[in-house]
Every structure is written in C-alpha cells, then in structure tokens.
C-alpha cells in the first residue's frame, strides 16, 4: 500500500527578540510561513490537519513570540518555532513528517521525524 502525505503552508506575522547570552537582537517582526507535512491514512485527514495547523498559527499570529509558553526561556528562532509546531501537530493526534518555518525569503529551519 502506498503511503500518503498531506502538506499545508500557511502565513503568519509575528514579532520576536533575542536576549540570551551569545544571541542578542532588538524586537523586530517577520512575515513568517509554516509548511507542514503529515502522514495520513486517507485524504479525509486533511480537515483535522488543517484545523490543527490553523490552531497553531492562531497561537503565533500577530503575537510577541517571546511571550508564548512553549518558547519560555528560549530564543524564539525559526528552529524553535519549527519544533513547537511539530510538537503541536503531534499533540493533536497527527503524525508529522516535517515542519518547516520560513523566517525570511532565504532563511528557514525544519524539524523532521526520524522515520519516513
């Protein structure tokens, strides 16, 4: 049986700053993008996947990322956001394969499952 993967890409806007030793940067914002892929048994799983990813975006969109509980005591980098979104999809009962966060046109980070 062929495996099925579903992918979605959603934009969001958020501010952040970096204030941990070795990485300090003033508050600034980005037009971010989350691109996520999950394993699915059927195309019918697209609706719950969309709801879960939209829910994650709602928690980040037009927010100061430093104030979000999953990023407590961490610099809110693209890497940290990718991990947060990946874990959020998993907590929603999905099987994420990869989550990629684009911070700038030429900069993105991803979090991937160890198996495919």
N, C-alpha and C. Protein backbone atom coordinates (compact mmCIF):
# COMPACT_ATOMS: atom_id res chain seq x y z
N UNK A 1 0.84 -1.18 0.00
CA UNK A 1 0.00 0.00 0.00
C UNK A 1 0.89 1.25 0.00
N UNK A 2 0.57 2.18 -0.84
CA UNK A 2 1.32 3.43 -0.91
C UNK A 2 1.04 4.29 0.31
N UNK A 3 2.06 4.99 0.75
CA UNK A 3 1.85 5.89 1.89
C UNK A 3 1.37 7.24 1.37
N UNK A 4 0.61 7.93 2.18
CA UNK A 4 0.04 9.21 1.82
C UNK A 4 0.58 10.27 2.76
N UNK A 5 1.00 11.38 2.19
CA UNK A 5 1.42 12.53 2.98
C UNK A 5 0.61 13.73 2.54
N UNK A 6 0.18 14.52 3.52
CA UNK A 6 -0.55 15.76 3.25
C UNK A 6 0.33 16.92 3.68
N UNK A 7 0.33 17.99 2.88
CA UNK A 7 1.13 19.17 3.20
C UNK A 7 0.27 20.42 3.13
N UNK A 8 0.55 21.35 4.03
CA UNK A 8 -0.12 22.65 4.05
C UNK A 8 0.92 23.73 4.32
N UNK A 9 0.68 24.89 3.76
CA UNK A 9 1.55 26.05 4.00
C UNK A 9 0.65 27.21 4.38
N UNK A 10 0.96 27.84 5.51
CA UNK A 10 0.17 28.97 5.99
C UNK A 10 1.09 30.12 6.40
N UNK A 11 0.69 31.35 6.11
CA UNK A 11 1.49 32.51 6.53
C UNK A 11 1.05 32.99 7.92
N UNK A 12 1.96 33.67 8.59
CA UNK A 12 1.62 34.37 9.83
C UNK A 12 2.62 35.50 10.04
N UNK A 13 2.25 36.44 10.87
CA UNK A 13 3.08 37.61 11.16
C UNK A 13 3.33 37.61 12.66
N UNK A 14 4.58 37.79 13.05
CA UNK A 14 4.88 37.80 14.49
C UNK A 14 6.18 38.55 14.75
N UNK A 15 6.27 39.09 15.96
CA UNK A 15 7.48 39.77 16.44
C UNK A 15 8.25 38.84 17.36
N UNK A 16 9.53 39.13 17.47
CA UNK A 16 10.35 38.46 18.47
C UNK A 16 11.61 39.27 18.72
N UNK A 17 12.31 38.92 19.77
CA UNK A 17 13.62 39.49 20.04
C UNK A 17 14.47 38.38 20.64
N UNK A 18 15.77 38.59 20.62
CA UNK A 18 16.70 37.60 21.15
C UNK A 18 17.45 38.25 22.31
N UNK A 19 17.44 37.56 23.45
CA UNK A 19 18.07 38.16 24.63
C UNK A 19 18.83 37.15 25.49
N UNK A 20 19.25 36.06 24.90
CA UNK A 20 20.04 35.09 25.65
C UNK A 20 21.52 35.30 25.35
N UNK A 21 22.40 34.92 26.27
CA UNK A 21 23.83 35.12 26.04
C UNK A 21 24.27 34.55 24.68
N UNK A 22 25.04 35.35 23.98
CA UNK A 22 25.53 34.93 22.68
C UNK A 22 24.63 35.26 21.50
N UNK A 23 23.40 35.67 21.77
CA UNK A 23 22.47 35.98 20.68
C UNK A 23 21.49 37.04 21.18
N UNK A 24 21.84 38.29 20.96
CA UNK A 24 21.01 39.41 21.41
C UNK A 24 20.62 40.22 20.18
N UNK A 25 19.33 40.52 20.07
CA UNK A 25 18.82 41.29 18.93
C UNK A 25 17.55 41.99 19.38
N UNK A 26 17.36 43.24 18.97
CA UNK A 26 16.19 44.04 19.36
C UNK A 26 14.91 43.43 18.78
N UNK A 27 13.79 43.84 19.36
CA UNK A 27 12.49 43.38 18.88
C UNK A 27 12.30 43.78 17.42
N UNK A 28 11.80 42.82 16.66
CA UNK A 28 11.53 43.04 15.24
C UNK A 28 10.51 41.99 14.78
N UNK A 29 9.95 42.19 13.63
CA UNK A 29 8.92 41.27 13.14
C UNK A 29 9.27 40.67 11.80
N UNK A 30 8.53 39.63 11.47
CA UNK A 30 8.70 38.94 10.18
C UNK A 30 7.33 38.54 9.64
N UNK A 31 7.28 38.36 8.35
CA UNK A 31 6.17 37.68 7.70
C UNK A 31 6.63 36.23 7.56
N UNK A 32 6.23 35.39 8.49
CA UNK A 32 6.67 34.00 8.57
C UNK A 32 5.80 33.12 7.68
N UNK A 33 6.24 31.89 7.53
CA UNK A 33 5.44 30.89 6.83
C UNK A 33 5.72 29.53 7.48
N UNK A 34 4.67 28.78 7.77
CA UNK A 34 4.82 27.41 8.26
C UNK A 34 4.39 26.47 7.13
N UNK A 35 5.22 25.49 6.87
CA UNK A 35 4.98 24.49 5.83
C UNK A 35 5.08 23.14 6.52
N UNK A 36 3.97 22.43 6.66
CA UNK A 36 3.95 21.19 7.42
C UNK A 36 3.47 20.03 6.56
N UNK A 37 4.02 18.85 6.85
CA UNK A 37 3.64 17.62 6.18
C UNK A 37 3.37 16.56 7.24
N UNK A 38 2.24 15.84 7.08
CA UNK A 38 1.90 14.76 7.99
C UNK A 38 1.60 13.50 7.20
N UNK A 39 1.80 12.34 7.84
CA UNK A 39 1.38 11.07 7.26
C UNK A 39 -0.12 10.96 7.46
N UNK A 40 -0.81 10.36 6.51
CA UNK A 40 -2.26 10.22 6.60
C UNK A 40 -2.70 8.89 6.02
N UNK A 41 -3.79 8.36 6.55
CA UNK A 41 -4.37 7.12 6.03
C UNK A 41 -5.25 7.40 4.82
N UNK A 42 -5.82 8.63 4.77
CA UNK A 42 -6.70 8.98 3.64
C UNK A 42 -6.75 10.50 3.49
N UNK A 43 -7.20 10.97 2.32
CA UNK A 43 -7.34 12.42 2.13
C UNK A 43 -8.33 13.06 3.10
N UNK A 44 -9.20 12.27 3.72
CA UNK A 44 -10.18 12.81 4.68
C UNK A 44 -9.49 13.41 5.90
N UNK A 45 -8.23 13.08 6.13
CA UNK A 45 -7.50 13.61 7.27
C UNK A 45 -7.03 15.04 7.05
N UNK A 46 -7.28 15.58 5.85
CA UNK A 46 -6.87 16.95 5.57
C UNK A 46 -7.57 17.95 6.47
N UNK A 47 -8.84 17.75 6.75
CA UNK A 47 -9.60 18.71 7.58
C UNK A 47 -9.04 18.80 9.00
N UNK A 48 -8.82 17.67 9.70
CA UNK A 48 -8.24 17.79 11.04
C UNK A 48 -6.81 18.35 11.01
N UNK A 49 -6.08 18.02 9.99
CA UNK A 49 -4.72 18.56 9.83
C UNK A 49 -4.80 20.08 9.68
N UNK A 50 -5.67 20.55 8.81
CA UNK A 50 -5.82 22.00 8.61
C UNK A 50 -6.22 22.69 9.90
N UNK A 51 -7.18 22.11 10.62
CA UNK A 51 -7.62 22.71 11.90
C UNK A 51 -6.45 22.79 12.89
N UNK A 52 -5.67 21.73 12.98
CA UNK A 52 -4.54 21.71 13.92
C UNK A 52 -3.48 22.73 13.55
N UNK A 53 -3.17 22.85 12.27
CA UNK A 53 -2.16 23.80 11.85
C UNK A 53 -2.68 25.23 11.99
N UNK A 54 -3.94 25.46 11.64
CA UNK A 54 -4.52 26.79 11.83
C UNK A 54 -4.56 27.18 13.30
N UNK A 55 -4.81 26.22 14.18
CA UNK A 55 -4.81 26.48 15.61
C UNK A 55 -3.42 26.90 16.07
N UNK A 56 -2.39 26.22 15.57
CA UNK A 56 -1.02 26.60 15.93
C UNK A 56 -0.72 28.02 15.44
N UNK A 57 -1.11 28.32 14.20
CA UNK A 57 -0.87 29.65 13.64
C UNK A 57 -1.57 30.71 14.49
N UNK A 58 -2.79 30.44 14.94
CA UNK A 58 -3.51 31.40 15.79
C UNK A 58 -2.72 31.73 17.05
N UNK A 59 -1.98 30.78 17.58
CA UNK A 59 -1.18 31.00 18.78
C UNK A 59 0.08 31.82 18.53
N UNK A 60 0.45 31.98 17.27
CA UNK A 60 1.66 32.72 16.93
C UNK A 60 1.37 34.02 16.17
N UNK A 61 0.29 34.05 15.43
CA UNK A 61 -0.02 35.15 14.53
C UNK A 61 -0.26 36.46 15.30
N UNK A 62 0.43 37.51 14.89
CA UNK A 62 0.33 38.84 15.49
C UNK A 62 0.60 38.81 17.00
N UNK A 63 1.58 38.00 17.38
CA UNK A 63 1.96 37.87 18.79
C UNK A 63 3.45 38.19 18.94
N UNK A 64 3.82 38.46 20.17
CA UNK A 64 5.23 38.53 20.52
C UNK A 64 5.62 37.11 20.91
N UNK A 65 6.43 36.49 20.10
CA UNK A 65 6.75 35.08 20.28
C UNK A 65 7.44 34.80 21.62
N UNK A 66 8.18 35.76 22.12
CA UNK A 66 8.86 35.58 23.41
C UNK A 66 7.89 35.33 24.54
N UNK A 67 6.63 35.74 24.39
CA UNK A 67 5.63 35.58 25.44
C UNK A 67 4.87 34.27 25.35
N UNK A 68 5.16 33.44 24.37
CA UNK A 68 4.44 32.18 24.20
C UNK A 68 5.05 31.10 25.08
N UNK A 69 4.23 30.43 25.88
CA UNK A 69 4.70 29.45 26.87
C UNK A 69 5.62 28.38 26.28
N UNK A 70 5.35 27.82 25.09
CA UNK A 70 6.25 26.78 24.57
C UNK A 70 7.67 27.29 24.26
N UNK A 71 7.83 28.61 24.22
CA UNK A 71 9.14 29.18 23.92
C UNK A 71 9.79 29.80 25.15
N UNK A 72 9.25 29.53 26.33
CA UNK A 72 9.78 30.10 27.57
C UNK A 72 11.26 29.75 27.73
N UNK A 73 12.04 30.75 28.08
CA UNK A 73 13.48 30.60 28.33
C UNK A 73 14.26 30.17 27.09
N UNK A 74 13.68 30.40 25.90
CA UNK A 74 14.37 30.07 24.65
C UNK A 74 14.34 31.30 23.75
N UNK A 75 15.35 31.49 22.97
CA UNK A 75 15.27 32.50 21.92
C UNK A 75 14.31 31.95 20.87
N UNK A 76 13.30 32.73 20.48
CA UNK A 76 12.31 32.23 19.53
C UNK A 76 12.84 32.28 18.09
N UNK A 77 13.71 31.36 17.79
CA UNK A 77 14.30 31.24 16.46
C UNK A 77 13.38 30.42 15.56
N UNK A 78 13.67 30.41 14.28
CA UNK A 78 12.91 29.57 13.35
C UNK A 78 13.01 28.10 13.76
N UNK A 79 14.16 27.70 14.27
CA UNK A 79 14.34 26.31 14.72
C UNK A 79 13.39 25.99 15.87
N UNK A 80 13.29 26.92 16.84
CA UNK A 80 12.41 26.71 17.99
C UNK A 80 10.95 26.69 17.55
N UNK A 81 10.57 27.54 16.62
CA UNK A 81 9.20 27.55 16.12
C UNK A 81 8.87 26.27 15.37
N UNK A 82 9.79 25.76 14.58
CA UNK A 82 9.56 24.50 13.86
C UNK A 82 9.31 23.36 14.84
N UNK A 83 10.09 23.31 15.90
CA UNK A 83 9.91 22.27 16.91
C UNK A 83 8.56 22.43 17.62
N UNK A 84 8.21 23.66 17.97
CA UNK A 84 6.94 23.94 18.63
C UNK A 84 5.76 23.48 17.74
N UNK A 85 5.79 23.86 16.46
CA UNK A 85 4.71 23.48 15.55
C UNK A 85 4.66 21.95 15.37
N UNK A 86 5.81 21.32 15.24
CA UNK A 86 5.89 19.86 15.09
C UNK A 86 5.24 19.18 16.30
N UNK A 87 5.63 19.61 17.50
CA UNK A 87 5.09 19.02 18.73
C UNK A 87 3.59 19.30 18.87
N UNK A 88 3.15 20.46 18.40
CA UNK A 88 1.74 20.81 18.45
C UNK A 88 0.91 19.88 17.55
N UNK A 89 1.41 19.58 16.36
CA UNK A 89 0.71 18.65 15.47
C UNK A 89 0.66 17.26 16.08
N UNK A 90 1.75 16.84 16.68
CA UNK A 90 1.79 15.52 17.33
C UNK A 90 0.78 15.48 18.48
N UNK A 91 0.71 16.55 19.26
CA UNK A 91 -0.23 16.61 20.39
C UNK A 91 -1.68 16.58 19.90
N UNK A 92 -1.91 16.99 18.66
CA UNK A 92 -3.26 16.97 18.09
C UNK A 92 -3.61 15.59 17.52
N UNK A 93 -2.73 14.62 17.72
CA UNK A 93 -3.01 13.26 17.27
C UNK A 93 -2.58 12.98 15.85
N UNK A 94 -1.82 13.88 15.26
CA UNK A 94 -1.34 13.69 13.90
C UNK A 94 0.05 13.09 13.92
N UNK A 95 0.51 12.64 12.76
CA UNK A 95 1.85 12.06 12.64
C UNK A 95 2.69 12.97 11.73
N UNK A 96 3.27 14.02 12.30
CA UNK A 96 4.05 14.94 11.47
C UNK A 96 5.30 14.27 10.90
N UNK A 97 5.58 14.61 9.67
CA UNK A 97 6.79 14.15 8.99
C UNK A 97 7.83 15.25 9.03
N UNK A 98 7.37 16.47 8.75
CA UNK A 98 8.28 17.61 8.68
C UNK A 98 7.49 18.90 8.88
N UNK A 99 8.10 19.81 9.60
CA UNK A 99 7.57 21.17 9.71
C UNK A 99 8.71 22.11 9.39
N UNK A 100 8.45 23.00 8.46
CA UNK A 100 9.45 23.98 8.08
C UNK A 100 8.90 25.36 8.37
N UNK A 101 9.72 26.21 8.97
CA UNK A 101 9.36 27.60 9.25
C UNK A 101 10.27 28.50 8.44
N UNK A 102 9.63 29.36 7.62
CA UNK A 102 10.40 30.34 6.85
C UNK A 102 10.31 31.67 7.57
N UNK A 103 11.47 32.19 7.93
CA UNK A 103 11.55 33.47 8.64
C UNK A 103 11.77 34.62 7.67
N UNK A 104 12.57 34.38 6.67
CA UNK A 104 12.89 35.35 5.62
C UNK A 104 12.92 34.59 4.31
N UNK A 105 12.97 35.30 3.22
CA UNK A 105 12.99 34.66 1.92
C UNK A 105 14.08 33.60 1.82
N UNK A 106 15.23 33.89 2.36
CA UNK A 106 16.36 32.98 2.20
C UNK A 106 16.73 32.25 3.49
N UNK A 107 15.82 32.20 4.47
CA UNK A 107 16.15 31.55 5.74
C UNK A 107 14.97 30.74 6.24
N UNK A 108 15.19 29.46 6.45
CA UNK A 108 14.17 28.60 7.02
C UNK A 108 14.85 27.53 7.87
N UNK A 109 14.06 26.91 8.73
CA UNK A 109 14.54 25.81 9.56
C UNK A 109 13.45 24.75 9.59
N UNK A 110 13.85 23.49 9.77
CA UNK A 110 12.84 22.43 9.81
C UNK A 110 13.08 21.50 10.98
N UNK A 111 12.00 20.84 11.34
CA UNK A 111 12.01 19.78 12.35
C UNK A 111 11.38 18.58 11.65
N UNK A 112 12.06 17.45 11.69
CA UNK A 112 11.58 16.27 10.97
C UNK A 112 11.53 15.06 11.88
N UNK A 113 10.62 14.12 11.54
CA UNK A 113 10.58 12.87 12.27
C UNK A 113 11.81 12.05 11.89
N UNK A 114 12.17 11.15 12.76
CA UNK A 114 13.35 10.31 12.49
C UNK A 114 13.08 9.19 11.53
N UNK A 115 11.80 8.90 11.26
CA UNK A 115 11.45 7.80 10.35
C UNK A 115 10.55 8.31 9.25
N UNK A 116 10.62 7.66 8.12
CA UNK A 116 9.74 8.02 6.99
C UNK A 116 9.22 6.80 6.32
